[in-house]
Amino acid sequence: MCEKGRGGTLPYALLFDDAAVLPQVTTTAWLVVAYLALTCTCLSYVLQNTALTRLSSYTVSLLQCTQPILTAACSYLLLRERLTAVGLTGAAIIVACVVWENWQSGRQQKSTTKVSS
């Protein structure tokens, strides 16, 4: 459904692991893998393409830059995980870069508007 090839990545994963472990994998583990493949991969592509029909690619790409921060926020809210100082520094860098890019883009749009007026 999501991948062009029907084989997926399992054959490639088996190149680096022993195929004898496959019978030991529980049904629950396979269901988790299927859930992750369908929701985290397929659904994310569908949502990204839907966003691209309604927003500019520039806006979508900037929003995608915040994904690590949103993931950390969700893990805090749902799993009570804590960010380390390094994680908080990384989040601050991401936010600063997104703000900087928006500021730069706004300046370019204003200068373009002044030139064309």
PDB file of N, CA and C in Angstrom:
ATOM      1  N   MET A   1       0.823  -1.193   0.000  1.00  0.00           N
ATOM      2  CA  MET A   1       0.000   0.000   0.000  1.00  0.00           C
ATOM      3  C   MET A   1       0.863   1.250   0.000  1.00  0.00           C
ATOM      4  N   CYS A   2       1.827   1.307   0.909  1.00  0.00           N
ATOM      5  CA  CYS A   2       2.666   2.497   0.988  1.00  0.00           C
ATOM      6  C   CYS A   2       3.910   2.366   0.125  1.00  0.00           C
ATOM      7  N   GLU A   3       4.466   1.195   0.120  1.00  0.00           N
ATOM      8  CA  GLU A   3       5.713   1.015  -0.600  1.00  0.00           C
ATOM      9  C   GLU A   3       5.419   0.537  -2.011  1.00  0.00           C
ATOM     10  N   LYS A   4       6.305   0.889  -2.916  1.00  0.00           N
ATOM     11  CA  LYS A   4       6.133   0.463  -4.290  1.00  0.00           C
ATOM     12  C   LYS A   4       6.325  -1.052  -4.398  1.00  0.00           C
ATOM     13  N   GLY A   5       7.389  -1.562  -3.759  1.00  0.00           N
ATOM     14  CA  GLY A   5       7.634  -2.998  -3.767  1.00  0.00           C
ATOM     15  C   GLY A   5       6.806  -3.681  -2.701  1.00  0.00           C
ATOM     16  N   ARG A   6       6.332  -4.860  -3.006  1.00  0.00           N
ATOM     17  CA  ARG A   6       5.486  -5.577  -2.048  1.00  0.00           C
ATOM     18  C   ARG A   6       6.306  -6.241  -0.947  1.00  0.00           C
ATOM     19  N   GLY A   7       7.595  -6.451  -1.172  1.00  0.00           N
ATOM     20  CA  GLY A   7       8.417  -7.158  -0.199  1.00  0.00           C
ATOM     21  C   GLY A   7       8.758  -6.337   1.024  1.00  0.00           C
ATOM     22  N   GLY A   8       8.698  -5.034   0.895  1.00  0.00           N
ATOM     23  CA  GLY A   8       9.032  -4.180   2.030  1.00  0.00           C
ATOM     24  C   GLY A   8      10.491  -4.281   2.410  1.00  0.00           C
ATOM     25  N   THR A   9      10.756  -4.047   3.660  1.00  0.00           N
ATOM     26  CA  THR A   9      12.142  -4.036   4.117  1.00  0.00           C
ATOM     27  C   THR A   9      12.525  -5.287   4.888  1.00  0.00           C
ATOM     28  N   LEU A  10      11.581  -6.187   5.125  1.00  0.00           N
ATOM     29  CA  LEU A  10      11.880  -7.396   5.879  1.00  0.00           C
ATOM     30  C   LEU A  10      13.016  -8.216   5.268  1.00  0.00           C
ATOM     31  N   PRO A  11      13.031  -8.451   3.949  1.00  0.00           N
ATOM     32  CA  PRO A  11      14.155  -9.213   3.390  1.00  0.00           C
ATOM     33  C   PRO A  11      15.507  -8.540   3.641  1.00  0.00           C
ATOM     34  N   TYR A  12      15.545  -7.227   3.600  1.00  0.00           N
ATOM     35  CA  TYR A  12      16.798  -6.518   3.846  1.00  0.00           C
ATOM     36  C   TYR A  12      17.197  -6.602   5.314  1.00  0.00           C
ATOM     37  N   ALA A  13      16.213  -6.565   6.195  1.00  0.00           N
ATOM     38  CA  ALA A  13      16.508  -6.703   7.620  1.00  0.00           C
ATOM     39  C   ALA A  13      17.077  -8.086   7.908  1.00  0.00           C
ATOM     40  N   LEU A  14      16.595  -9.084   7.204  1.00  0.00           N
ATOM     41  CA  LEU A  14      17.075 -10.447   7.428  1.00  0.00           C
ATOM     42  C   LEU A  14      18.499 -10.650   6.934  1.00  0.00           C
ATOM     43  N   LEU A  15      18.984  -9.769   6.086  1.00  0.00           N
ATOM     44  CA  LEU A  15      20.382  -9.842   5.668  1.00  0.00           C
ATOM     45  C   LEU A  15      21.313  -9.639   6.859  1.00  0.00           C
ATOM     46  N   PHE A  16      20.869  -8.866   7.836  1.00  0.00           N
ATOM     47  CA  PHE A  16      21.697  -8.528   8.978  1.00  0.00           C
ATOM     48  C   PHE A  16      21.292  -9.267  10.249  1.00  0.00           C
ATOM     49  N   ASP A  17      20.297 -10.111  10.152  1.00  0.00           N
ATOM     50  CA  ASP A  17      19.843 -10.854  11.317  1.00  0.00           C
ATOM     51  C   ASP A  17      19.594 -12.293  10.916  1.00  0.00           C
ATOM     52  N   ASP A  18      19.432 -13.135  11.882  1.00  0.00           N
ATOM     53  CA  ASP A  18      19.206 -14.547  11.642  1.00  0.00           C
ATOM     54  C   ASP A  18      17.714 -14.791  11.423  1.00  0.00           C
ATOM     55  N   ALA A  19      17.369 -15.432  10.327  1.00  0.00           N
ATOM     56  CA  ALA A  19      15.962 -15.713  10.023  1.00  0.00           C
ATOM     57  C   ALA A  19      15.358 -16.702  11.008  1.00  0.00           C
ATOM     58  N   ALA A  20      16.190 -17.387  11.773  1.00  0.00           N
ATOM     59  CA  ALA A  20      15.684 -18.352  12.750  1.00  0.00           C
ATOM     60  C   ALA A  20      14.913 -17.666  13.879  1.00  0.00           C
ATOM     61  N   VAL A  21      15.061 -16.357  14.026  1.00  0.00           N
ATOM     62  CA  VAL A  21      14.340 -15.653  15.096  1.00  0.00           C
ATOM     63  C   VAL A  21      12.885 -15.385  14.723  1.00  0.00           C
ATOM     64  N   LEU A  22      12.536 -15.471  13.457  1.00  0.00           N
ATOM     65  CA  LEU A  22      11.173 -15.153  13.027  1.00  0.00           C
ATOM     66  C   LEU A  22      10.099 -16.000  13.716  1.00  0.00           C
ATOM     67  N   PRO A  23      10.280 -17.313  13.868  1.00  0.00           N
ATOM     68  CA  PRO A  23       9.238 -18.077  14.572  1.00  0.00           C
ATOM     69  C   PRO A  23       9.080 -17.676  16.043  1.00  0.00           C
ATOM     70  N   GLN A  24      10.098 -17.056  16.609  1.00  0.00           N
ATOM     71  CA  GLN A  24      10.033 -16.660  18.016  1.00  0.00           C
ATOM     72  C   GLN A  24       9.321 -15.324  18.213  1.00  0.00           C
ATOM     73  N   VAL A  25       9.089 -14.589  17.141  1.00  0.00           N
ATOM     74  CA  VAL A  25       8.427 -13.293  17.250  1.00  0.00           C
ATOM     75  C   VAL A  25       6.947 -13.522  17.537  1.00  0.00           C
ATOM     76  N   THR A  26       6.464 -12.852  18.562  1.00  0.00           N
ATOM     77  CA  THR A  26       5.073 -13.049  18.978  1.00  0.00           C
ATOM     78  C   THR A  26       4.106 -12.313  18.046  1.00  0.00           C
ATOM     79  N   THR A  27       2.873 -12.722  18.112  1.00  0.00           N
ATOM     80  CA  THR A  27       1.829 -12.067  17.316  1.00  0.00           C
ATOM     81  C   THR A  27       1.696 -10.604  17.710  1.00  0.00           C
ATOM     82  N   THR A  28       1.811 -10.341  18.999  1.00  0.00           N
ATOM     83  CA  THR A  28       1.733  -8.959  19.473  1.00  0.00           C
ATOM     84  C   THR A  28       2.829  -8.108  18.844  1.00  0.00           C
ATOM     85  N   ALA A  29       4.027  -8.651  18.749  1.00  0.00           N
ATOM     86  CA  ALA A  29       5.134  -7.906  18.145  1.00  0.00           C
ATOM     87  C   ALA A  29       4.856  -7.616  16.672  1.00  0.00           C
ATOM     88  N   TRP A  30       4.296  -8.605  15.945  1.00  0.00           N
ATOM     89  CA  TRP A  30       3.960  -8.382  14.538  1.00  0.00           C
ATOM     90  C   TRP A  30       2.861  -7.341  14.399  1.00  0.00           C
ATOM     91  N   LEU A  31       1.906  -7.354  15.320  1.00  0.00           N
ATOM     92  CA  LEU A  31       0.842  -6.347  15.281  1.00  0.00           C
ATOM     93  C   LEU A  31       1.393  -4.954  15.548  1.00  0.00           C
ATOM     94  N   VAL A  32       2.364  -4.848  16.434  1.00  0.00           N
ATOM     95  CA  VAL A  32       3.002  -3.559  16.694  1.00  0.00           C
ATOM     96  C   VAL A  32       3.738  -3.080  15.449  1.00  0.00           C
ATOM     97  N   VAL A  33       4.438  -3.977  14.793  1.00  0.00           N
ATOM     98  CA  VAL A  33       5.144  -3.616  13.559  1.00  0.00           C
ATOM     99  C   VAL A  33       4.146  -3.163  12.496  1.00  0.00           C
ATOM    100  N   ALA A  34       3.050  -3.880  12.352  1.00  0.00           N
ATOM    101  CA  ALA A  34       2.030  -3.496  11.360  1.00  0.00           C
ATOM    102  C   ALA A  34       1.417  -2.143  11.712  1.00  0.00           C
ATOM    103  N   TYR A  35       1.135  -1.934  12.989  1.00  0.00           N
ATOM    104  CA  TYR A  35       0.584  -0.643  13.430  1.00  0.00           C
ATOM    105  C   TYR A  35       1.545   0.492  13.116  1.00  0.00           C
ATOM    106  N   LEU A  36       2.814   0.301  13.446  1.00  0.00           N
ATOM    107  CA  LEU A  36       3.803   1.344  13.172  1.00  0.00           C
ATOM    108  C   LEU A  36       3.941   1.607  11.678  1.00  0.00           C
ATOM    109  N   ALA A  37       3.902   0.549  10.884  1.00  0.00           N
ATOM    110  CA  ALA A  37       4.020   0.725   9.435  1.00  0.00           C
ATOM    111  C   ALA A  37       2.823   1.487   8.883  1.00  0.00           C
ATOM    112  N   LEU A  38       1.639   1.142   9.350  1.00  0.00           N
ATOM    113  CA  LEU A  38       0.436   1.773   8.798  1.00  0.00           C
ATOM    114  C   LEU A  38       0.218   3.186   9.328  1.00  0.00           C
ATOM    115  N   THR A  39       0.362   3.381  10.610  1.00  0.00           N
ATOM    116  CA  THR A  39       0.062   4.705  11.156  1.00  0.00           C
ATOM    117  C   THR A  39       1.235   5.665  11.014  1.00  0.00           C
ATOM    118  N   CYS A  40       2.403   5.215  11.387  1.00  0.00           N
ATOM    119  CA  CYS A  40       3.544   6.142  11.387  1.00  0.00           C
ATOM    120  C   CYS A  40       4.107   6.386   9.996  1.00  0.00           C
ATOM    121  N   THR A  41       3.941   5.462   9.101  1.00  0.00           N
ATOM    122  CA  THR A  41       4.491   5.637   7.759  1.00  0.00           C
ATOM    123  C   THR A  41       3.406   6.045   6.768  1.00  0.00           C
ATOM    124  N   CYS A  42       2.446   5.186   6.551  1.00  0.00           N
ATOM    125  CA  CYS A  42       1.419   5.462   5.536  1.00  0.00           C
ATOM    126  C   CYS A  42       0.597   6.691   5.886  1.00  0.00           C
ATOM    127  N   LEU A  43       0.129   6.771   7.120  1.00  0.00           N
ATOM    128  CA  LEU A  43      -0.700   7.900   7.515  1.00  0.00           C
ATOM    129  C   LEU A  43       0.080   9.214   7.436  1.00  0.00           C
ATOM    130  N   SER A  44       1.357   9.164   7.787  1.00  0.00           N
ATOM    131  CA  SER A  44       2.143  10.399   7.716  1.00  0.00           C
ATOM    132  C   SER A  44       2.300  10.879   6.275  1.00  0.00           C
ATOM    133  N   TYR A  45       2.459   9.960   5.329  1.00  0.00           N
ATOM    134  CA  TYR A  45       2.542  10.364   3.923  1.00  0.00           C
ATOM    135  C   TYR A  45       1.218  10.940   3.433  1.00  0.00           C
ATOM    136  N   VAL A  46       0.125  10.317   3.840  1.00  0.00           N
ATOM    137  CA  VAL A  46      -1.191  10.822   3.442  1.00  0.00           C
ATOM    138  C   VAL A  46      -1.404  12.224   3.998  1.00  0.00           C
ATOM    139  N   LEU A  47      -1.088  12.420   5.284  1.00  0.00           N
ATOM    140  CA  LEU A  47      -1.268  13.731   5.895  1.00  0.00           C
ATOM    141  C   LEU A  47      -0.340  14.778   5.276  1.00  0.00           C
ATOM    142  N   GLN A  48       0.901  14.385   4.966  1.00  0.00           N
ATOM    143  CA  GLN A  48       1.830  15.323   4.335  1.00  0.00           C
ATOM    144  C   GLN A  48       1.313  15.750   2.965  1.00  0.00           C
ATOM    145  N   ASN A  49       0.867  14.806   2.169  1.00  0.00           N
ATOM    146  CA  ASN A  49       0.360  15.148   0.834  1.00  0.00           C
ATOM    147  C   ASN A  49      -0.919  15.962   0.908  1.00  0.00           C
ATOM    148  N   THR A  50      -1.763  15.677   1.897  1.00  0.00           N
ATOM    149  CA  THR A  50      -2.965  16.478   2.098  1.00  0.00           C
ATOM    150  C   THR A  50      -2.586  17.903   2.478  1.00  0.00           C
ATOM    151  N   ALA A  51      -1.608  18.036   3.356  1.00  0.00           N
ATOM    152  CA  ALA A  51      -1.148  19.371   3.752  1.00  0.00           C
ATOM    153  C   ALA A  51      -0.596  20.134   2.553  1.00  0.00           C
ATOM    154  N   LEU A  52       0.095  19.438   1.665  1.00  0.00           N
ATOM    155  CA  LEU A  52       0.665  20.098   0.488  1.00  0.00           C
ATOM    156  C   LEU A  52      -0.407  20.592  -0.481  1.00  0.00           C
ATOM    157  N   THR A  53      -1.606  20.022  -0.423  1.00  0.00           N
ATOM    158  CA  THR A  53      -2.682  20.523  -1.281  1.00  0.00           C
ATOM    159  C   THR A  53      -3.303  21.791  -0.718  1.00  0.00           C
ATOM    160  N   ARG A  54      -3.093  22.042   0.578  1.00  0.00           N
ATOM    161  CA  ARG A  54      -3.719  23.198   1.221  1.00  0.00           C
ATOM    162  C   ARG A  54      -2.731  24.284   1.636  1.00  0.00           C
ATOM    163  N   LEU A  55      -1.474  23.925   1.809  1.00  0.00           N
ATOM    164  CA  LEU A  55      -0.441  24.866   2.246  1.00  0.00           C
ATOM    165  C   LEU A  55       0.707  24.856   1.253  1.00  0.00           C
ATOM    166  N   SER A  56       1.543  25.869   1.328  1.00  0.00           N
ATOM    167  CA  SER A  56       2.713  25.901   0.442  1.00  0.00           C
ATOM    168  C   SER A  56       3.747  24.879   0.927  1.00  0.00           C
ATOM    169  N   SER A  57       4.572  24.434   0.015  1.00  0.00           N
ATOM    170  CA  SER A  57       5.624  23.482   0.387  1.00  0.00           C
ATOM    171  C   SER A  57       6.577  24.098   1.407  1.00  0.00           C
ATOM    172  N   TYR A  58       6.771  25.399   1.326  1.00  0.00           N
ATOM    173  CA  TYR A  58       7.613  26.116   2.288  1.00  0.00           C
ATOM    174  C   TYR A  58       7.045  25.972   3.704  1.00  0.00           C
ATOM    175  N   THR A  59       5.756  26.206   3.857  1.00  0.00           N
ATOM    176  CA  THR A  59       5.112  26.115   5.162  1.00  0.00           C
ATOM    177  C   THR A  59       5.136  24.684   5.687  1.00  0.00           C
ATOM    178  N   VAL A  60       4.841  23.724   4.826  1.00  0.00           N
ATOM    179  CA  VAL A  60       4.840  22.321   5.239  1.00  0.00           C
ATOM    180  C   VAL A  60       6.234  21.894   5.684  1.00  0.00           C
ATOM    181  N   SER A  61       7.253  22.308   4.960  1.00  0.00           N
ATOM    182  CA  SER A  61       8.615  21.911   5.344  1.00  0.00           C
ATOM    183  C   SER A  61       9.025  22.538   6.674  1.00  0.00           C
ATOM    184  N   LEU A  62       8.622  23.783   6.921  1.00  0.00           N
ATOM    185  CA  LEU A  62       8.922  24.389   8.211  1.00  0.00           C
ATOM    186  C   LEU A  62       8.186  23.685   9.347  1.00  0.00           C
ATOM    187  N   LEU A  63       6.945  23.314   9.095  1.00  0.00           N
ATOM    188  CA  LEU A  63       6.192  22.584  10.120  1.00  0.00           C
ATOM    189  C   LEU A  63       6.819  21.221  10.394  1.00  0.00           C
ATOM    190  N   GLN A  64       7.332  20.578   9.361  1.00  0.00           N
ATOM    191  CA  GLN A  64       7.968  19.277   9.560  1.00  0.00           C
ATOM    192  C   GLN A  64       9.264  19.396  10.362  1.00  0.00           C
ATOM    193  N   CYS A  65       9.886  20.540  10.326  1.00  0.00           N
ATOM    194  CA  CYS A  65      11.095  20.747  11.138  1.00  0.00           C
ATOM    195  C   CYS A  65      10.786  20.682  12.631  1.00  0.00           C
ATOM    196  N   THR A  66       9.548  20.963  12.991  1.00  0.00           N
ATOM    197  CA  THR A  66       9.174  20.936  14.402  1.00  0.00           C
ATOM    198  C   THR A  66       8.757  19.547  14.877  1.00  0.00           C
ATOM    199  N   GLN A  67       8.797  18.562  14.010  1.00  0.00           N
ATOM    200  CA  GLN A  67       8.360  17.220  14.375  1.00  0.00           C
ATOM    201  C   GLN A  67       9.127  16.644  15.573  1.00  0.00           C
ATOM    202  N   PRO A  68      10.448  16.790  15.677  1.00  0.00           N
ATOM    203  CA  PRO A  68      11.124  16.263  16.871  1.00  0.00           C
ATOM    204  C   PRO A  68      10.630  16.912  18.165  1.00  0.00           C
ATOM    205  N   ILE A  69      10.292  18.188  18.100  1.00  0.00           N
ATOM    206  CA  ILE A  69       9.788  18.871  19.291  1.00  0.00           C
ATOM    207  C   ILE A  69       8.406  18.347  19.649  1.00  0.00           C
ATOM    208  N   LEU A  70       7.553  18.159  18.648  1.00  0.00           N
ATOM    209  CA  LEU A  70       6.217  17.632  18.902  1.00  0.00           C
ATOM    210  C   LEU A  70       6.286  16.203  19.430  1.00  0.00           C
ATOM    211  N   THR A  71       7.225  15.423  18.927  1.00  0.00           N
ATOM    212  CA  THR A  71       7.407  14.061  19.424  1.00  0.00           C
ATOM    213  C   THR A  71       7.824  14.080  20.892  1.00  0.00           C
ATOM    214  N   ALA A  72       8.748  14.963  21.232  1.00  0.00           N
ATOM    215  CA  ALA A  72       9.184  15.077  22.628  1.00  0.00           C
ATOM    216  C   ALA A  72       8.038  15.543  23.523  1.00  0.00           C
ATOM    217  N   ALA A  73       7.230  16.473  23.028  1.00  0.00           N
ATOM    218  CA  ALA A  73       6.090  16.955  23.815  1.00  0.00           C
ATOM    219  C   ALA A  73       5.072  15.835  24.041  1.00  0.00           C
ATOM    220  N   CYS A  74       4.800  15.061  22.996  1.00  0.00           N
ATOM    221  CA  CYS A  74       3.865  13.936  23.146  1.00  0.00           C
ATOM    222  C   CYS A  74       4.417  12.884  24.106  1.00  0.00           C
ATOM    223  N   SER A  75       5.711  12.608  24.025  1.00  0.00           N
ATOM    224  CA  SER A  75       6.286  11.617  24.944  1.00  0.00           C
ATOM    225  C   SER A  75       6.253  12.127  26.383  1.00  0.00           C
ATOM    226  N   TYR A  76       6.356  13.432  26.563  1.00  0.00           N
ATOM    227  CA  TYR A  76       6.229  13.992  27.906  1.00  0.00           C
ATOM    228  C   TYR A  76       4.794  13.848  28.411  1.00  0.00           C
ATOM    229  N   LEU A  77       3.834  14.206  27.558  1.00  0.00           N
ATOM    230  CA  LEU A  77       2.429  14.174  27.974  1.00  0.00           C
ATOM    231  C   LEU A  77       1.896  12.751  28.155  1.00  0.00           C
ATOM    232  N   LEU A  78       2.272  11.860  27.245  1.00  0.00           N
ATOM    233  CA  LEU A  78       1.719  10.508  27.284  1.00  0.00           C
ATOM    234  C   LEU A  78       2.528   9.537  28.140  1.00  0.00           C
ATOM    235  N   LEU A  79       3.849   9.685  28.127  1.00  0.00           N
ATOM    236  CA  LEU A  79       4.715   8.709  28.796  1.00  0.00           C
ATOM    237  C   LEU A  79       5.475   9.286  29.987  1.00  0.00           C
ATOM    238  N   ARG A  80       5.292  10.561  30.240  1.00  0.00           N
ATOM    239  CA  ARG A  80       5.983  11.260  31.333  1.00  0.00           C
ATOM    240  C   ARG A  80       7.511  11.203  31.194  1.00  0.00           C
ATOM    241  N   GLU A  81       7.985  11.191  29.943  1.00  0.00           N
ATOM    242  CA  GLU A  81       9.427  11.232  29.702  1.00  0.00           C
ATOM    243  C   GLU A  81       9.922  12.653  29.896  1.00  0.00           C
ATOM    244  N   ARG A  82      11.159  12.790  30.268  1.00  0.00           N
ATOM    245  CA  ARG A  82      11.771  14.099  30.498  1.00  0.00           C
ATOM    246  C   ARG A  82      12.851  14.352  29.452  1.00  0.00           C
ATOM    247  N   LEU A  83      12.955  15.598  29.020  1.00  0.00           N
ATOM    248  CA  LEU A  83      14.020  15.986  28.102  1.00  0.00           C
ATOM    249  C   LEU A  83      15.268  16.339  28.899  1.00  0.00           C
ATOM    250  N   THR A  84      16.390  15.933  28.384  1.00  0.00           N
ATOM    251  CA  THR A  84      17.662  16.304  29.013  1.00  0.00           C
ATOM    252  C   THR A  84      18.039  17.708  28.552  1.00  0.00           C
ATOM    253  N   ALA A  85      19.111  18.216  29.102  1.00  0.00           N
ATOM    254  CA  ALA A  85      19.594  19.534  28.694  1.00  0.00           C
ATOM    255  C   ALA A  85      19.963  19.543  27.215  1.00  0.00           C
ATOM    256  N   VAL A  86      20.526  18.450  26.748  1.00  0.00           N
ATOM    257  CA  VAL A  86      20.881  18.352  25.324  1.00  0.00           C
ATOM    258  C   VAL A  86      19.614  18.386  24.468  1.00  0.00           C
ATOM    259  N   GLY A  87      18.565  17.676  24.878  1.00  0.00           N
ATOM    260  CA  GLY A  87      17.307  17.679  24.148  1.00  0.00           C
ATOM    261  C   GLY A  87      16.657  19.051  24.128  1.00  0.00           C
ATOM    262  N   LEU A  88      16.684  19.726  25.275  1.00  0.00           N
ATOM    263  CA  LEU A  88      16.126  21.079  25.339  1.00  0.00           C
ATOM    264  C   LEU A  88      16.924  22.050  24.480  1.00  0.00           C
ATOM    265  N   THR A  89      18.236  21.874  24.459  1.00  0.00           N
ATOM    266  CA  THR A  89      19.081  22.717  23.603  1.00  0.00           C
ATOM    267  C   THR A  89      18.753  22.477  22.130  1.00  0.00           C
ATOM    268  N   GLY A  90      18.581  21.218  21.765  1.00  0.00           N
ATOM    269  CA  GLY A  90      18.206  20.892  20.388  1.00  0.00           C
ATOM    270  C   GLY A  90      16.863  21.488  20.005  1.00  0.00           C
ATOM    271  N   ALA A  91      15.904  21.416  20.926  1.00  0.00           N
ATOM    272  CA  ALA A  91      14.583  21.999  20.671  1.00  0.00           C
ATOM    273  C   ALA A  91      14.685  23.508  20.491  1.00  0.00           C
ATOM    274  N   ALA A  92      15.499  24.145  21.319  1.00  0.00           N
ATOM    275  CA  ALA A  92      15.690  25.592  21.206  1.00  0.00           C
ATOM    276  C   ALA A  92      16.326  25.961  19.872  1.00  0.00           C
ATOM    277  N   ILE A  93      17.264  25.163  19.420  1.00  0.00           N
ATOM    278  CA  ILE A  93      17.918  25.422  18.130  1.00  0.00           C
ATOM    279  C   ILE A  93      16.905  25.291  16.990  1.00  0.00           C
ATOM    280  N   ILE A  94      16.070  24.259  17.049  1.00  0.00           N
ATOM    281  CA  ILE A  94      15.054  24.064  16.007  1.00  0.00           C
ATOM    282  C   ILE A  94      14.097  25.241  15.974  1.00  0.00           C
ATOM    283  N   VAL A  95      13.594  25.641  17.144  1.00  0.00           N
ATOM    284  CA  VAL A  95      12.654  26.767  17.204  1.00  0.00           C
ATOM    285  C   VAL A  95      13.326  28.039  16.696  1.00  0.00           C
ATOM    286  N   ALA A  96      14.571  28.277  17.105  1.00  0.00           N
ATOM    287  CA  ALA A  96      15.287  29.475  16.658  1.00  0.00           C
ATOM    288  C   ALA A  96      15.454  29.477  15.140  1.00  0.00           C
ATOM    289  N   CYS A  97      15.757  28.335  14.561  1.00  0.00           N
ATOM    290  CA  CYS A  97      15.924  28.258  13.107  1.00  0.00           C
ATOM    291  C   CYS A  97      14.606  28.494  12.374  1.00  0.00           C
ATOM    292  N   VAL A  98      13.516  27.944  12.890  1.00  0.00           N
ATOM    293  CA  VAL A  98      12.212  28.154  12.254  1.00  0.00           C
ATOM    294  C   VAL A  98      11.813  29.630  12.353  1.00  0.00           C
ATOM    295  N   VAL A  99      12.014  30.229  13.525  1.00  0.00           N
ATOM    296  CA  VAL A  99      11.701  31.651  13.694  1.00  0.00           C
ATOM    297  C   VAL A  99      12.571  32.494  12.770  1.00  0.00           C
ATOM    298  N   TRP A 100      13.863  32.186  12.720  1.00  0.00           N
ATOM    299  CA  TRP A 100      14.791  32.928  11.855  1.00  0.00           C
ATOM    300  C   TRP A 100      14.357  32.829  10.389  1.00  0.00           C
ATOM    301  N   GLU A 101      14.007  31.647   9.941  1.00  0.00           N
ATOM    302  CA  GLU A 101      13.605  31.452   8.544  1.00  0.00           C
ATOM    303  C   GLU A 101      12.324  32.222   8.242  1.00  0.00           C
ATOM    304  N   ASN A 102      11.370  32.199   9.169  1.00  0.00           N
ATOM    305  CA  ASN A 102      10.145  32.980   8.970  1.00  0.00           C
ATOM    306  C   ASN A 102      10.442  34.473   8.918  1.00  0.00           C
ATOM    307  N   TRP A 103      11.320  34.934   9.773  1.00  0.00           N
ATOM    308  CA  TRP A 103      11.695  36.348   9.793  1.00  0.00           C
ATOM    309  C   TRP A 103      12.372  36.731   8.484  1.00  0.00           C
ATOM    310  N   GLN A 104      13.295  35.889   8.025  1.00  0.00           N
ATOM    311  CA  GLN A 104      13.988  36.150   6.756  1.00  0.00           C
ATOM    312  C   GLN A 104      13.012  36.155   5.590  1.00  0.00           C
ATOM    313  N   SER A 105      12.089  35.217   5.589  1.00  0.00           N
ATOM    314  CA  SER A 105      11.105  35.144   4.515  1.00  0.00           C
ATOM    315  C   SER A 105      10.221  36.389   4.507  1.00  0.00           C
ATOM    316  N   GLY A 106       9.830  36.840   5.687  1.00  0.00           N
ATOM    317  CA  GLY A 106       9.022  38.058   5.784  1.00  0.00           C
ATOM    318  C   GLY A 106       9.764  39.277   5.268  1.00  0.00           C
ATOM    319  N   ARG A 107      11.044  39.355   5.575  1.00  0.00           N
ATOM    320  CA  ARG A 107      11.858  40.483   5.079  1.00  0.00           C
ATOM    321  C   ARG A 107      11.965  40.443   3.564  1.00  0.00           C
ATOM    322  N   GLN A 108      12.142  39.259   3.002  1.00  0.00           N
ATOM    323  CA  GLN A 108      12.253  39.144   1.546  1.00  0.00           C
ATOM    324  C   GLN A 108      10.939  39.526   0.872  1.00  0.00           C
ATOM    325  N   GLN A 109       9.814  39.118   1.450  1.00  0.00           N
ATOM    326  CA  GLN A 109       8.519  39.469   0.875  1.00  0.00           C
ATOM    327  C   GLN A 109       8.293  40.970   0.930  1.00  0.00           C
ATOM    328  N   LYS A 110       8.698  41.626   2.029  1.00  0.00           N
ATOM    329  CA  LYS A 110       8.531  43.072   2.143  1.00  0.00           C
ATOM    330  C   LYS A 110       9.394  43.804   1.125  1.00  0.00           C
ATOM    331  N   SER A 111      10.633  43.336   0.947  1.00  0.00           N
ATOM    332  CA  SER A 111      11.513  44.000  -0.019  1.00  0.00           C
ATOM    333  C   SER A 111      11.017  43.780  -1.444  1.00  0.00           C
ATOM    334  N   THR A 112      10.452  42.631  -1.742  1.00  0.00           N
ATOM    335  CA  THR A 112       9.894  42.357  -3.060  1.00  0.00           C
ATOM    336  C   THR A 112       8.686  43.242  -3.304  1.00  0.00           C
ATOM    337  N   THR A 113       7.868  43.442  -2.291  1.00  0.00           N
ATOM    338  CA  THR A 113       6.690  44.289  -2.410  1.00  0.00           C
ATOM    339  C   THR A 113       7.091  45.741  -2.655  1.00  0.00           C
ATOM    340  N   LYS A 114       8.122  46.228  -1.965  1.00  0.00           N
ATOM    341  CA  LYS A 114       8.574  47.591  -2.145  1.00  0.00           C
ATOM    342  C   LYS A 114       9.143  47.816  -3.533  1.00  0.00           C
ATOM    343  N   VAL A 115       9.881  46.839  -4.058  1.00  0.00           N
ATOM    344  CA  VAL A 115      10.488  46.963  -5.378  1.00  0.00           C
ATOM    345  C   VAL A 115       9.403  46.987  -6.444  1.00  0.00           C
ATOM    346  N   SER A 116       8.365  46.174  -6.313  1.00  0.00           N
ATOM    347  CA  SER A 116       7.340  46.111  -7.336  1.00  0.00           C
ATOM    348  C   SER A 116       6.360  47.274  -7.266  1.00  0.00           C
ATOM    349  N   SER A 117       6.319  47.972  -6.141  1.00  0.00           N
ATOM    350  CA  SER A 117       5.376  49.106  -6.002  1.00  0.00           C
ATOM    351  C   SER A 117       5.808  50.336  -6.742  1.00  0.00           C
TER     352      SER A 117
END
